Amino acid sequence: MDKIWLKRYPAGVPETIDPDHFNSLVDIFEQSIQNYGDKVAYVNMDTELTFNELDVLSRHFAAYLQQQGLKKGDALAIMMPNLLQYPIALFGALRAGLVVVNVNPLYTPRELKHQLSDANAKAIVILDNFANTLEKVEADVPVEKVILTAIGDMLPAPKRWLVNAVVKYVKKMVPSYTLKNTVNFRTALNQGEKAKYERPQMSGNDLAFLQYTGGTTGLAKGAMLSHRNMVANLEMVSAIVAPLVNDGEETIVTALPLYHIFALTANCLTFMKHGGRNILITNPRDMKGFVKELQKYPFSMISGVNTLFNGLLHAEGFKDLDFSHLKIALGGGMAVQRSVAEHWERVTKSRLLEGYGLTECSPVVTVNPTDIEHYNGTIGIPLPSTDVRIVDTETGKEVVQGEPGEIQVRGPQVMVGYLNRPEETEKVMKDGDWFATGDIGVMDENGFFKIVDRKKDMILVSGFNVYPNEIEDVIADHPKVLEVAAIGVPHEASGEQVKIFVVRKDNSLSEKELITYARENMTGYKVPKLVEFRDELPKSNVGKILRRELRDEEEAKSN
């Protein structure tokens, strides 16, 4: 296979990495402790945690878990937003040789029950705000130990007591619950301090994470990500950002939740390796509070999804921040829209680099080179040691360059498989080691890839393929549009027609004005026939717009 993208690698970026350079993530963690001991690793609610402090606390947590009888390979679930407790629990679990199961705190009892049972989680670290969800399924899951924490638990006293009291009694954010076999997070750390920690023998083949994905189409599947998968992706991302990064000096804004694979790899693990300071944003939906946090730190890197960047650009005070240190803004998780990327560039005087990844790939597959001058509408080029090909969805054969087809990925970051689902694993693994992404893309003559759409999101109008991303990109460019989502709805004559859901910036915007604008910018069959204005669009936990929910609503109307 001709890897034409290699010619476009910036100086200093290697063609390959060594996925076996480290035996495990724990090796990298231990190296970082030695290299950056007194540097600040995490900041949350004005409280700092240095690498040395993280070393001590995560070791105590690992010793506590071992004392409780958890053995290498057992699964531990973590269910909380971005708080200082997260990295302590995460690195503590990994140091004990456990498999981390990241859980979205907004899960319903049904989703939580499925994930804890499927992963056979023996213990869970959970924020007490969500303990009542666990209570509803406690009798039906294998969890034997519940480690409870409150939002302010890692803050110094008396701020800790004040924050926890306000959250519980003033804001009433902690619904009442009754759970068995619980211990407080701080008590667990105290007990661990007195217990003996034994570092397990670990290899790249040991599982590091069970990262759940695909819950939009039935039950979520647990992608088995080994230490080798994660180390490989970490080395790849590190190789790409290394030319821009000063080890031990960078400040990273972490607004996406760390339980999401994007922030986990791009922020938590990559910048742990480079000695970066992660600013943990607990509630990024509070834009006013978010901007206030950003005022305190001269940040050099921020990652996010399109809706997060768009939200910041429209938040009061954001444009007045100091962007003089900003080197990288990394967009992923969903398509970055041109209008948002160009607006970002004008306001911050820095580029918004788009990348692409999937949970099953630990997650990063492609990213734009750090030396591009402007947003280019692509997801970039494959990372070192990563092969990407585009195949015909019917025949499975590679298409000619420039033609659309399914994106398939091969590399050491591709998952071991789906837990307990050999048939599902077989469906996505092609020719042995190629992972079929389900995304439709094209590659240009320089090896840059562009996502056209998800296979299942594609709209078929009179036999023509219409890609929602393209429609959304055009409509989002309209100065009176804040957000947009496009779906296909059934139509007798054409099979399907395009419908758009729009959140307006300016209420004077009419359906007629939008359709006229679309006609001026798109071929006839792509022009939306239906427009629905809304106050907001349904979004996932990381702010990704959920077209599926809009399709379900339309389907329910027609039944």
Protein backbone atom coordinates (compact mmCIF):
# COMPACT_ATOMS: atom_id res chain seq x y z
CA MET A 1 0.00 0.00 0.00
CA ASP A 2 1.39 3.39 -1.01
CA LYS A 3 1.49 5.60 2.10
CA ILE A 4 1.49 8.90 0.25
CA TRP A 5 0.78 10.78 3.50
CA LEU A 6 4.31 10.13 4.80
CA LYS A 7 5.61 12.87 2.48
CA ARG A 8 3.47 15.34 4.42
CA TYR A 9 4.84 14.53 7.89
CA PRO A 10 6.40 17.63 9.52
CA ALA A 11 10.15 17.51 10.21
CA GLY A 12 10.94 15.40 13.25
CA VAL A 13 7.82 13.21 13.10
CA PRO A 14 8.84 9.53 12.66
CA GLU A 15 7.13 7.15 10.21
CA THR A 16 6.80 4.49 12.90
CA ILE A 17 6.73 4.19 16.68
CA ASP A 18 7.60 1.27 18.95
CA PRO A 19 4.39 0.01 20.63
CA ASP A 20 6.57 -2.10 22.96
CA HIS A 21 8.75 0.80 24.09
CA PHE A 22 6.99 0.56 27.46
CA ASN A 23 5.52 -2.62 28.96
CA SER A 24 2.47 -0.78 30.26
CA LEU A 25 0.92 2.61 31.00
CA VAL A 26 2.23 2.15 34.53
CA ASP A 27 5.83 2.28 33.23
CA ILE A 28 5.10 5.64 31.56
CA PHE A 29 3.40 6.91 34.72
CA GLU A 30 6.39 5.94 36.87
CA GLN A 31 8.78 7.62 34.42
CA SER A 32 6.72 10.84 34.61
CA ILE A 33 6.84 10.82 38.42
CA GLN A 34 10.66 10.68 38.22
CA ASN A 35 10.87 13.38 35.53
CA TYR A 36 8.28 15.87 36.76
CA GLY A 37 7.81 15.12 40.49
CA ASP A 38 7.23 18.65 41.80
CA LYS A 39 5.40 19.92 38.69
CA VAL A 40 1.62 20.32 38.88
CA ALA A 41 -0.21 17.46 37.15
CA TYR A 42 -3.86 18.43 37.78
CA VAL A 43 -5.81 21.49 38.86
CA ASN A 44 -9.48 21.52 39.82
CA MET A 45 -11.46 24.16 41.73
CA ASP A 46 -8.20 26.06 42.44
CA THR A 47 -6.61 23.01 44.09
CA GLU A 48 -3.36 21.63 42.65
CA LEU A 49 -2.06 18.07 42.63
CA THR A 50 1.62 17.55 41.78
CA PHE A 51 3.03 14.43 40.12
CA ASN A 52 4.60 13.44 43.45
CA GLU A 53 1.29 13.86 45.29
CA LEU A 54 -0.47 11.86 42.56
CA ASP A 55 2.20 9.17 42.98
CA VAL A 56 1.56 8.88 46.73
CA LEU A 57 -2.25 9.01 46.54
CA SER A 58 -2.58 6.59 43.61
CA ARG A 59 -0.19 4.17 45.38
CA HIS A 60 -2.38 4.35 48.50
CA PHE A 61 -5.45 3.70 46.38
CA ALA A 62 -3.77 0.76 44.62
CA ALA A 63 -2.78 -0.72 48.02
CA TYR A 64 -6.36 -0.29 49.28
CA LEU A 65 -7.78 -2.11 46.24
CA GLN A 66 -5.31 -4.97 46.70
CA GLN A 67 -6.13 -5.14 50.43
CA GLN A 68 -9.81 -5.53 49.48
CA GLY A 69 -8.97 -8.66 47.51
CA LEU A 70 -9.05 -7.19 44.00
CA LYS A 71 -6.61 -9.08 41.81
CA LYS A 72 -4.77 -8.32 38.59
CA GLY A 73 -7.29 -8.41 35.70
CA ASP A 74 -10.34 -7.60 37.85
CA ALA A 75 -12.54 -4.76 36.59
CA LEU A 76 -13.01 -1.49 38.50
CA ALA A 77 -15.63 1.01 37.30
CA ILE A 78 -15.16 4.79 37.65
CA MET A 79 -18.30 6.95 37.43
CA MET A 80 -17.62 10.66 37.89
CA PRO A 81 -17.01 13.92 36.01
CA ASN A 82 -13.62 15.67 35.89
CA LEU A 83 -12.46 15.90 39.51
CA LEU A 84 -9.07 15.32 41.18
CA GLN A 85 -10.42 11.96 42.37
CA TYR A 86 -10.49 10.70 38.78
CA PRO A 87 -6.71 10.54 38.07
CA ILE A 88 -6.07 9.16 41.59
CA ALA A 89 -8.59 6.34 41.02
CA LEU A 90 -7.47 5.77 37.42
CA PHE A 91 -3.73 5.48 38.08
CA GLY A 92 -4.37 3.63 41.35
CA ALA A 93 -6.41 1.01 39.52
CA LEU A 94 -3.83 0.64 36.73
CA ARG A 95 -1.01 0.34 39.30
CA ALA A 96 -2.95 -2.49 40.98
CA GLY A 97 -3.13 -4.26 37.60
CA LEU A 98 -6.89 -3.74 37.31
CA VAL A 99 -8.94 -3.09 34.18
CA VAL A 100 -10.60 0.34 34.25
CA VAL A 101 -14.22 0.55 33.12
CA ASN A 102 -15.11 4.18 32.42
CA VAL A 103 -18.78 4.92 33.09
CA ASN A 104 -20.75 7.93 31.90
CA PRO A 105 -22.26 9.51 35.07
CA LEU A 106 -25.43 10.39 33.15
CA TYR A 107 -26.27 6.74 32.49
CA THR A 108 -29.76 5.50 33.24
CA PRO A 109 -30.11 2.51 35.61
CA ARG A 110 -30.65 0.22 32.59
CA GLU A 111 -27.42 1.36 30.91
CA LEU A 112 -25.45 1.16 34.15
CA LYS A 113 -26.73 -2.34 34.92
CA HIS A 114 -25.72 -3.56 31.46
CA GLN A 115 -22.23 -2.10 31.63
CA LEU A 116 -21.36 -3.25 35.17
CA SER A 117 -22.72 -6.75 34.49
CA ASP A 118 -21.11 -7.09 31.08
CA ALA A 119 -17.71 -5.96 32.43
CA ASN A 120 -18.13 -8.07 35.59
CA ALA A 121 -17.03 -5.03 37.61
CA LYS A 122 -16.00 -6.06 41.13
CA ALA A 123 -15.87 -2.51 42.50
CA ILE A 124 -16.94 1.00 41.56
CA VAL A 125 -15.71 4.49 42.44
CA ILE A 126 -18.77 6.72 42.15
CA LEU A 127 -19.64 10.34 42.84
CA ASP A 128 -22.45 10.45 45.42
CA ASN A 129 -24.54 12.65 43.07
CA PHE A 130 -25.13 9.47 41.01
CA ALA A 131 -25.33 6.90 43.83
CA ASN A 132 -29.12 6.70 43.56
CA THR A 133 -28.73 5.34 40.00
CA LEU A 134 -26.50 2.57 41.34
CA GLU A 135 -28.94 1.86 44.18
CA LYS A 136 -31.64 0.96 41.61
CA VAL A 137 -29.50 -1.82 40.11
CA GLU A 138 -27.32 -2.80 43.08
CA ALA A 139 -28.98 -6.19 43.52
CA ASP A 140 -28.46 -7.09 39.83
CA VAL A 141 -24.77 -6.27 39.35
CA PRO A 142 -21.57 -8.06 40.42
CA VAL A 143 -20.15 -5.04 42.29
CA GLU A 144 -18.92 -6.07 45.77
CA LYS A 145 -17.39 -2.78 46.91
CA VAL A 146 -18.70 0.77 46.43
CA ILE A 147 -16.20 3.60 46.95
CA LEU A 148 -18.20 6.81 47.35
CA THR A 149 -16.85 10.28 46.86
CA ALA A 150 -18.29 13.80 47.06
CA ILE A 151 -17.40 16.68 44.72
CA GLY A 152 -15.13 18.48 47.19
CA ASP A 153 -13.35 15.45 48.66
CA MET A 154 -9.84 16.32 47.41
CA LEU A 155 -10.04 20.00 48.28
CA PRO A 156 -8.29 21.26 51.42
CA ALA A 157 -10.34 21.77 54.60
CA PRO A 158 -12.41 23.83 55.31
CA LYS A 159 -13.17 24.41 51.59
CA ARG A 160 -13.87 20.67 51.28
CA TRP A 161 -16.58 20.74 53.95
CA LEU A 162 -18.10 23.90 52.56
CA VAL A 163 -18.28 22.68 48.94
CA ASN A 164 -19.73 19.30 49.96
CA ALA A 165 -22.32 20.95 52.23
CA VAL A 166 -23.42 23.43 49.54
CA VAL A 167 -23.68 20.69 46.87
CA LYS A 168 -25.71 18.42 49.18
CA TYR A 169 -27.88 20.74 51.28
CA VAL A 170 -28.12 24.05 49.41
CA LYS A 171 -28.09 23.00 45.76
CA LYS A 172 -29.63 19.59 46.63
CA MET A 173 -27.59 17.88 43.90
CA VAL A 174 -27.27 14.57 45.80
CA PRO A 175 -30.52 12.55 45.69
CA SER A 176 -30.95 10.28 48.71
CA TYR A 177 -29.72 6.70 48.36
CA THR A 178 -29.04 3.54 50.36
CA LEU A 179 -26.15 1.30 49.34
CA LYS A 180 -24.39 -1.67 50.95
CA ASN A 181 -20.64 -2.25 51.30
CA THR A 182 -19.65 1.38 50.89
CA VAL A 183 -16.50 3.22 51.93
CA ASN A 184 -15.65 6.89 51.54
CA PHE A 185 -12.88 7.70 49.04
CA ARG A 186 -10.79 9.53 51.65
CA THR A 187 -11.19 6.62 54.10
CA ALA A 188 -10.02 4.22 51.36
CA LEU A 189 -6.91 6.38 50.82
CA ASN A 190 -6.20 6.41 54.58
CA GLN A 191 -6.57 2.64 54.80
CA GLY A 192 -4.35 2.23 51.73
CA GLU A 193 -1.64 4.32 53.35
CA LYS A 194 -1.31 1.63 56.04
CA ALA A 195 -1.54 -1.28 53.59
CA LYS A 196 1.27 -2.82 51.52
CA TYR A 197 1.32 -2.14 47.78
CA GLU A 198 2.73 -4.83 45.53
CA ARG A 199 3.45 -3.87 41.95
CA PRO A 200 2.11 -6.64 39.71
CA GLN A 201 4.05 -8.05 36.77
CA MET A 202 2.48 -6.46 33.69
CA SER A 203 2.79 -6.94 29.95
CA GLY A 204 1.47 -5.16 26.90
CA ASN A 205 -1.11 -7.91 26.43
CA ASP A 206 -2.83 -7.19 29.75
CA LEU A 207 -6.08 -5.24 29.44
CA ALA A 208 -5.97 -1.62 30.60
CA PHE A 209 -9.50 -0.46 29.73
CA LEU A 210 -12.93 -1.76 28.86
CA GLN A 211 -14.24 1.25 26.98
CA TYR A 212 -17.92 0.98 26.06
CA THR A 213 -19.18 2.08 22.67
CA GLY A 214 -22.06 1.73 20.26
CA GLY A 215 -24.89 2.07 22.75
CA THR A 216 -26.85 4.06 20.18
CA THR A 217 -27.78 0.87 18.34
CA GLY A 218 -28.84 -1.47 21.11
CA LEU A 219 -26.55 -2.56 23.94
CA ALA A 220 -23.15 -0.95 24.32
CA LYS A 221 -20.13 -3.14 23.56
CA GLY A 222 -16.96 -3.18 25.64
CA ALA A 223 -13.91 -2.50 23.47
CA MET A 224 -10.98 -4.37 25.05
CA LEU A 225 -8.01 -2.00 25.00
CA SER A 226 -4.72 -3.53 26.10
CA HIS A 227 -1.78 -1.68 27.62
CA ARG A 228 -0.01 -2.17 24.27
CA ASN A 229 -2.95 -0.56 22.40
CA MET A 230 -2.90 2.43 24.72
CA VAL A 231 0.90 2.77 24.84
CA ALA A 232 0.99 2.62 21.02
CA ASN A 233 -1.59 5.38 20.61
CA LEU A 234 0.11 7.44 23.29
CA GLU A 235 3.46 7.12 21.47
CA MET A 236 1.78 8.06 18.16
CA VAL A 237 0.07 11.17 19.53
CA SER A 238 3.22 12.08 21.42
CA ALA A 239 5.29 11.85 18.20
CA ILE A 240 2.86 14.23 16.45
CA VAL A 241 2.76 16.89 19.20
CA ALA A 242 6.40 16.56 20.35
CA PRO A 243 7.73 19.29 17.99
CA LEU A 244 5.39 21.81 19.66
CA VAL A 245 5.58 20.62 23.25
CA ASN A 246 8.03 21.78 25.92
CA ASP A 247 8.11 18.93 28.44
CA GLY A 248 6.98 19.94 31.90
CA GLU A 249 5.82 23.39 30.74
CA GLU A 250 2.44 22.98 29.01
CA THR A 251 -1.03 23.75 30.38
CA ILE A 252 -3.92 21.74 28.93
CA VAL A 253 -7.60 22.60 29.26
CA THR A 254 -9.54 19.38 29.88
CA ALA A 255 -13.21 20.17 29.43
CA LEU A 256 -14.22 16.91 27.78
CA PRO A 257 -14.83 14.24 30.43
CA LEU A 258 -11.86 11.98 31.17
CA TYR A 259 -14.15 8.94 31.02
CA HIS A 260 -14.40 9.67 27.28
CA ILE A 261 -11.61 8.01 25.28
CA PHE A 262 -10.68 11.24 23.43
CA ALA A 263 -9.83 13.24 26.59
CA LEU A 264 -8.42 10.12 28.28
CA THR A 265 -5.73 9.65 25.61
CA ALA A 266 -5.24 13.19 24.23
CA ASN A 267 -5.25 15.02 27.57
CA CYS A 268 -4.85 12.69 30.55
CA LEU A 269 -2.30 10.20 29.22
CA THR A 270 -0.40 12.18 26.55
CA PHE A 271 0.25 15.13 28.81
CA MET A 272 1.01 12.89 31.78
CA LYS A 273 3.87 11.59 29.61
CA HIS A 274 4.96 15.16 28.73
CA GLY A 275 4.62 16.52 32.27
CA GLY A 276 1.73 18.82 31.39
CA ARG A 277 -0.64 20.54 33.80
CA ASN A 278 -4.25 19.44 33.17
CA ILE A 279 -6.91 22.00 34.12
CA LEU A 280 -9.95 19.84 34.91
CA ILE A 281 -13.28 21.49 34.06
CA THR A 282 -16.02 19.73 36.02
CA ASN A 283 -19.01 21.34 34.30
CA PRO A 284 -18.17 22.76 30.85
CA ARG A 285 -21.86 23.44 30.19
CA ASP A 286 -21.60 26.32 32.65
CA MET A 287 -19.97 28.57 30.03
CA LYS A 288 -19.73 31.57 32.36
CA GLY A 289 -17.85 29.51 34.98
CA PHE A 290 -15.76 27.84 32.25
CA VAL A 291 -14.55 31.21 30.87
CA LYS A 292 -13.81 32.36 34.43
CA GLU A 293 -11.55 29.30 34.90
CA LEU A 294 -9.79 29.98 31.61
CA GLN A 295 -8.97 33.53 32.76
CA LYS A 296 -6.78 32.07 35.53
CA TYR A 297 -4.44 30.00 33.39
CA PRO A 298 -2.27 30.85 30.34
CA PHE A 299 -3.26 27.63 28.54
CA SER A 300 -1.27 26.20 25.64
CA MET A 301 -3.56 23.36 24.52
CA ILE A 302 -7.29 22.68 24.53
CA SER A 303 -9.25 19.75 23.12
CA GLY A 304 -12.95 19.62 22.42
CA VAL A 305 -15.81 18.84 20.09
CA ASN A 306 -17.28 21.30 17.59
CA THR A 307 -20.16 22.28 19.89
CA LEU A 308 -17.75 23.08 22.75
CA PHE A 309 -15.63 25.39 20.59
CA ASN A 310 -18.79 26.99 19.17
CA GLY A 311 -20.17 27.49 22.70
CA LEU A 312 -16.94 29.14 23.87
CA LEU A 313 -16.85 31.46 20.86
CA HIS A 314 -20.33 32.70 21.78
CA ALA A 315 -19.64 32.90 25.53
CA GLU A 316 -19.30 36.29 27.14
CA GLY A 317 -15.69 37.23 27.88
CA PHE A 318 -14.07 34.44 25.84
CA LYS A 319 -12.74 36.73 23.11
CA ASP A 320 -11.00 38.85 25.78
CA LEU A 321 -8.85 35.96 27.11
CA ASP A 322 -5.08 35.81 26.67
CA PHE A 323 -4.39 33.40 23.80
CA SER A 324 -0.71 34.24 23.43
CA HIS A 325 0.40 30.82 24.78
CA LEU A 326 -2.11 28.73 22.79
CA LYS A 327 -0.32 26.25 20.50
CA ILE A 328 -2.87 23.51 19.81
CA ALA A 329 -6.65 23.39 19.73
CA LEU A 330 -7.61 19.83 18.86
CA GLY A 331 -11.11 19.02 17.57
CA GLY A 332 -12.52 15.51 17.39
CA GLY A 333 -15.51 13.38 18.40
CA MET A 334 -17.62 14.88 15.59
CA ALA A 335 -16.96 16.93 12.46
CA VAL A 336 -15.46 20.38 13.03
CA GLN A 337 -17.45 22.86 10.94
CA ARG A 338 -15.55 25.31 8.75
CA SER A 339 -17.49 28.30 10.12
CA VAL A 340 -16.50 27.35 13.70
CA ALA A 341 -12.82 26.66 12.80
CA GLU A 342 -12.46 29.97 10.95
CA HIS A 343 -14.21 31.90 13.73
CA TRP A 344 -11.84 30.22 16.25
CA GLU A 345 -8.83 31.28 14.17
CA ARG A 346 -10.00 34.90 14.00
CA VAL A 347 -10.64 35.11 17.76
CA THR A 348 -7.68 33.15 19.14
CA LYS A 349 -5.14 33.72 16.31
CA SER A 350 -4.39 29.98 16.48
CA ARG A 351 -5.42 26.97 14.42
CA LEU A 352 -8.10 24.45 15.25
CA LEU A 353 -6.65 21.09 14.18
CA GLU A 354 -9.17 18.39 13.38
CA GLY A 355 -8.39 14.79 14.12
CA TYR A 356 -10.31 11.53 13.86
CA GLY A 357 -10.54 8.50 16.08
CA LEU A 358 -12.74 5.74 17.41
CA THR A 359 -13.02 4.01 20.77
CA GLU A 360 -11.86 0.79 19.09
CA CYS A 361 -8.62 2.54 18.03
CA SER A 362 -7.63 3.84 21.48
CA PRO A 363 -8.82 6.29 19.84
CA VAL A 364 -6.66 8.41 17.48
CA VAL A 365 -6.26 7.38 13.82
CA THR A 366 -5.55 10.60 11.89
CA VAL A 367 -4.79 14.21 12.75
CA ASN A 368 -3.82 17.32 10.84
CA PRO A 369 -0.10 18.11 10.87
CA THR A 370 0.82 20.76 13.43
CA ASP A 371 2.37 22.93 10.72
CA ILE A 372 -0.77 23.57 8.66
CA GLU A 373 -1.53 27.26 8.40
CA HIS A 374 -5.33 27.17 8.25
CA TYR A 375 -8.27 24.81 8.72
CA ASN A 376 -8.45 22.62 5.62
CA GLY A 377 -11.72 20.69 6.06
CA THR A 378 -9.95 17.33 6.48
CA ILE A 379 -9.35 14.97 9.39
CA GLY A 380 -5.65 15.03 8.53
CA ILE A 381 -3.21 12.21 7.82
CA PRO A 382 -2.66 8.84 9.55
CA LEU A 383 -0.48 8.74 12.67
CA PRO A 384 2.91 6.97 12.62
CA SER A 385 2.60 3.13 12.37
CA THR A 386 -1.05 3.53 11.25
CA ASP A 387 -2.38 2.26 7.91
CA VAL A 388 -5.65 3.59 6.52
CA ARG A 389 -7.44 2.43 3.39
CA ILE A 390 -10.75 3.20 1.70
CA VAL A 391 -12.79 0.28 0.38
CA ASP A 392 -15.95 -0.17 -1.62
CA THR A 393 -18.79 -0.96 0.81
CA GLU A 394 -20.19 -3.66 -1.50
CA THR A 395 -17.07 -5.46 -2.77
CA GLY A 396 -14.59 -4.74 0.06
CA LYS A 397 -11.97 -3.84 -2.59
CA GLU A 398 -9.89 -0.66 -2.33
CA VAL A 399 -11.32 2.23 -4.35
CA VAL A 400 -9.32 4.53 -6.60
CA GLN A 401 -7.87 7.58 -4.89
CA GLY A 402 -10.48 10.34 -4.60
CA GLU A 403 -13.45 7.97 -4.61
CA PRO A 404 -15.59 7.60 -1.44
CA GLY A 405 -15.72 4.34 0.48
CA GLU A 406 -15.53 2.90 3.99
CA ILE A 407 -12.49 3.90 6.05
CA GLN A 408 -10.59 0.91 7.44
CA VAL A 409 -7.69 1.11 9.91
CA ARG A 410 -4.76 -1.14 10.77
CA GLY A 411 -2.22 -0.49 13.52
CA PRO A 412 -1.08 -1.47 17.02
CA GLN A 413 -3.75 0.82 18.55
CA VAL A 414 -6.63 -1.31 17.17
CA MET A 415 -8.50 -3.06 20.00
CA VAL A 416 -8.16 -6.70 20.99
CA GLY A 417 -11.89 -7.13 20.27
CA TYR A 418 -15.29 -6.66 21.90
CA LEU A 419 -15.67 -8.33 25.29
CA ASN A 420 -17.76 -11.54 25.09
CA ARG A 421 -18.87 -10.69 21.53
CA PRO A 422 -16.85 -12.73 19.02
CA GLU A 423 -19.53 -12.34 16.30
CA GLU A 424 -19.53 -8.53 16.68
CA THR A 425 -15.73 -8.52 16.61
CA GLU A 426 -15.75 -10.63 13.44
CA LYS A 427 -18.14 -8.17 11.76
CA VAL A 428 -15.72 -5.24 12.14
CA MET A 429 -12.36 -6.98 11.63
CA LYS A 430 -11.64 -7.49 7.93
CA ASP A 431 -8.81 -9.46 6.30
CA GLY A 432 -7.50 -10.34 9.74
CA ASP A 433 -6.35 -7.03 11.17
CA TRP A 434 -8.22 -4.20 9.41
CA PHE A 435 -10.86 -2.47 11.53
CA ALA A 436 -13.93 -1.37 9.54
CA THR A 437 -14.98 1.99 10.97
CA GLY A 438 -18.43 2.36 9.40
CA ASP A 439 -17.41 5.87 8.31
CA ILE A 440 -17.43 6.92 4.66
CA GLY A 441 -14.42 8.94 3.59
CA VAL A 442 -12.18 10.00 0.73
CA MET A 443 -8.41 10.46 0.45
CA ASP A 444 -6.87 13.27 -1.62
CA GLU A 445 -3.65 13.18 -3.66
CA ASN A 446 -1.56 14.27 -0.62
CA GLY A 447 -2.87 11.55 1.71
CA PHE A 448 -5.28 13.79 3.63
CA PHE A 449 -8.56 12.09 4.56
CA LYS A 450 -12.00 13.61 4.74
CA ILE A 451 -15.04 12.06 6.41
CA VAL A 452 -18.05 12.21 4.17
CA ASP A 453 -20.35 10.54 6.70
CA ARG A 454 -21.40 7.60 8.81
CA LYS A 455 -22.74 4.76 6.67
CA LYS A 456 -25.98 4.74 8.65
CA ASP A 457 -26.40 8.54 8.52
CA MET A 458 -26.22 8.74 4.74
CA ILE A 459 -29.37 10.08 3.05
CA LEU A 460 -30.47 8.58 -0.27
CA VAL A 461 -32.33 11.10 -2.46
CA SER A 462 -33.51 9.69 -5.80
CA GLY A 463 -30.51 7.35 -5.88
CA PHE A 464 -28.00 10.09 -4.98
CA ASN A 465 -25.92 9.83 -1.80
CA VAL A 466 -26.35 12.94 0.35
CA TYR A 467 -24.01 13.36 3.30
CA PRO A 468 -25.41 15.21 6.35
CA ASN A 469 -21.96 16.63 7.19
CA GLU A 470 -21.90 18.55 3.91
CA ILE A 471 -25.42 19.98 4.43
CA GLU A 472 -24.58 20.97 8.02
CA ASP A 473 -21.33 22.62 6.95
CA VAL A 474 -23.13 24.83 4.42
CA ILE A 475 -26.04 25.76 6.72
CA ALA A 476 -23.70 26.44 9.69
CA ASP A 477 -22.00 29.08 7.51
CA HIS A 478 -25.18 31.18 7.52
CA PRO A 479 -24.54 34.13 9.88
CA LYS A 480 -27.88 33.67 11.69
CA VAL A 481 -27.35 29.93 12.44
CA LEU A 482 -25.93 28.74 15.77
CA GLU A 483 -26.29 24.94 15.38
CA VAL A 484 -27.70 22.58 12.78
CA ALA A 485 -28.36 18.87 12.25
CA ALA A 486 -29.47 17.20 9.01
CA ILE A 487 -31.28 13.87 8.62
CA GLY A 488 -33.18 12.00 5.93
CA VAL A 489 -36.94 11.53 6.23
CA PRO A 490 -39.02 9.18 4.05
CA HIS A 491 -40.54 10.61 0.86
CA GLU A 492 -42.79 8.82 -1.64
CA ALA A 493 -41.22 10.16 -4.81
CA SER A 494 -37.52 10.45 -3.94
CA GLY A 495 -37.18 7.73 -1.28
CA GLU A 496 -35.84 10.26 1.23
CA GLN A 497 -35.63 14.03 1.52
CA VAL A 498 -33.39 16.24 3.60
CA LYS A 499 -34.72 17.79 6.80
CA ILE A 500 -32.70 20.20 8.93
CA PHE A 501 -33.10 21.15 12.58
CA VAL A 502 -31.75 24.62 13.33
CA VAL A 503 -30.95 26.61 16.47
CA ARG A 504 -30.98 30.30 15.49
CA LYS A 505 -28.62 33.06 16.58
CA ASP A 506 -31.15 35.56 15.25
CA ASN A 507 -34.88 34.90 15.42
CA SER A 508 -35.50 36.87 12.23
CA LEU A 509 -34.14 33.90 10.28
CA SER A 510 -36.96 32.26 8.29
CA GLU A 511 -37.33 28.90 6.60
CA LYS A 512 -37.54 30.65 3.21
CA GLU A 513 -34.29 32.56 3.80
CA LEU A 514 -32.46 29.35 4.77
CA ILE A 515 -33.71 27.33 1.80
CA THR A 516 -32.83 30.15 -0.60
CA TYR A 517 -29.35 30.25 0.93
CA ALA A 518 -29.02 26.45 0.59
CA ARG A 519 -30.05 26.62 -3.10
CA GLU A 520 -27.32 29.15 -3.78
CA ASN A 521 -24.70 26.87 -2.24
CA MET A 522 -25.78 23.29 -3.06
CA THR A 523 -26.98 21.08 -5.90
CA GLY A 524 -30.77 20.77 -6.06
CA TYR A 525 -31.12 17.25 -4.61
CA LYS A 526 -29.05 18.20 -1.53
CA VAL A 527 -31.18 21.26 -0.64
CA PRO A 528 -33.24 20.72 2.54
CA LYS A 529 -36.96 20.45 1.84
CA LEU A 530 -37.97 20.74 5.50
CA VAL A 531 -36.74 23.10 8.21
CA GLU A 532 -37.57 22.90 11.92
CA PHE A 533 -36.39 25.59 14.32
CA ARG A 534 -35.54 24.50 17.86
CA ASP A 535 -34.22 26.04 21.06
CA GLU A 536 -31.65 23.25 21.38
CA LEU A 537 -30.53 20.01 19.72
CA PRO A 538 -30.15 16.64 21.47
CA LYS A 539 -26.51 16.01 22.43
CA SER A 540 -24.37 13.24 23.88
CA ASN A 541 -22.43 13.54 27.13
CA VAL A 542 -19.55 15.21 25.27
CA GLY A 543 -21.74 17.58 23.29
CA LYS A 544 -21.95 15.59 20.06
CA ILE A 545 -25.23 16.32 18.24
CA LEU A 546 -27.34 13.14 18.12
CA ARG A 547 -28.91 12.80 14.68
CA ARG A 548 -30.19 9.40 15.75
CA GLU A 549 -32.55 10.95 18.32
CA LEU A 550 -33.92 13.32 15.69
CA ARG A 551 -34.48 10.38 13.32
CA ASP A 552 -36.24 8.44 16.09
CA GLU A 553 -38.55 11.41 16.75
CA GLU A 554 -39.44 11.67 13.07
CA GLU A 555 -40.09 7.93 12.90
CA ALA A 556 -42.36 8.11 15.97
CA LYS A 557 -44.38 10.91 14.31
CA SER A 558 -45.01 8.86 11.17
CA ASN A 559 -46.09 5.70 13.06
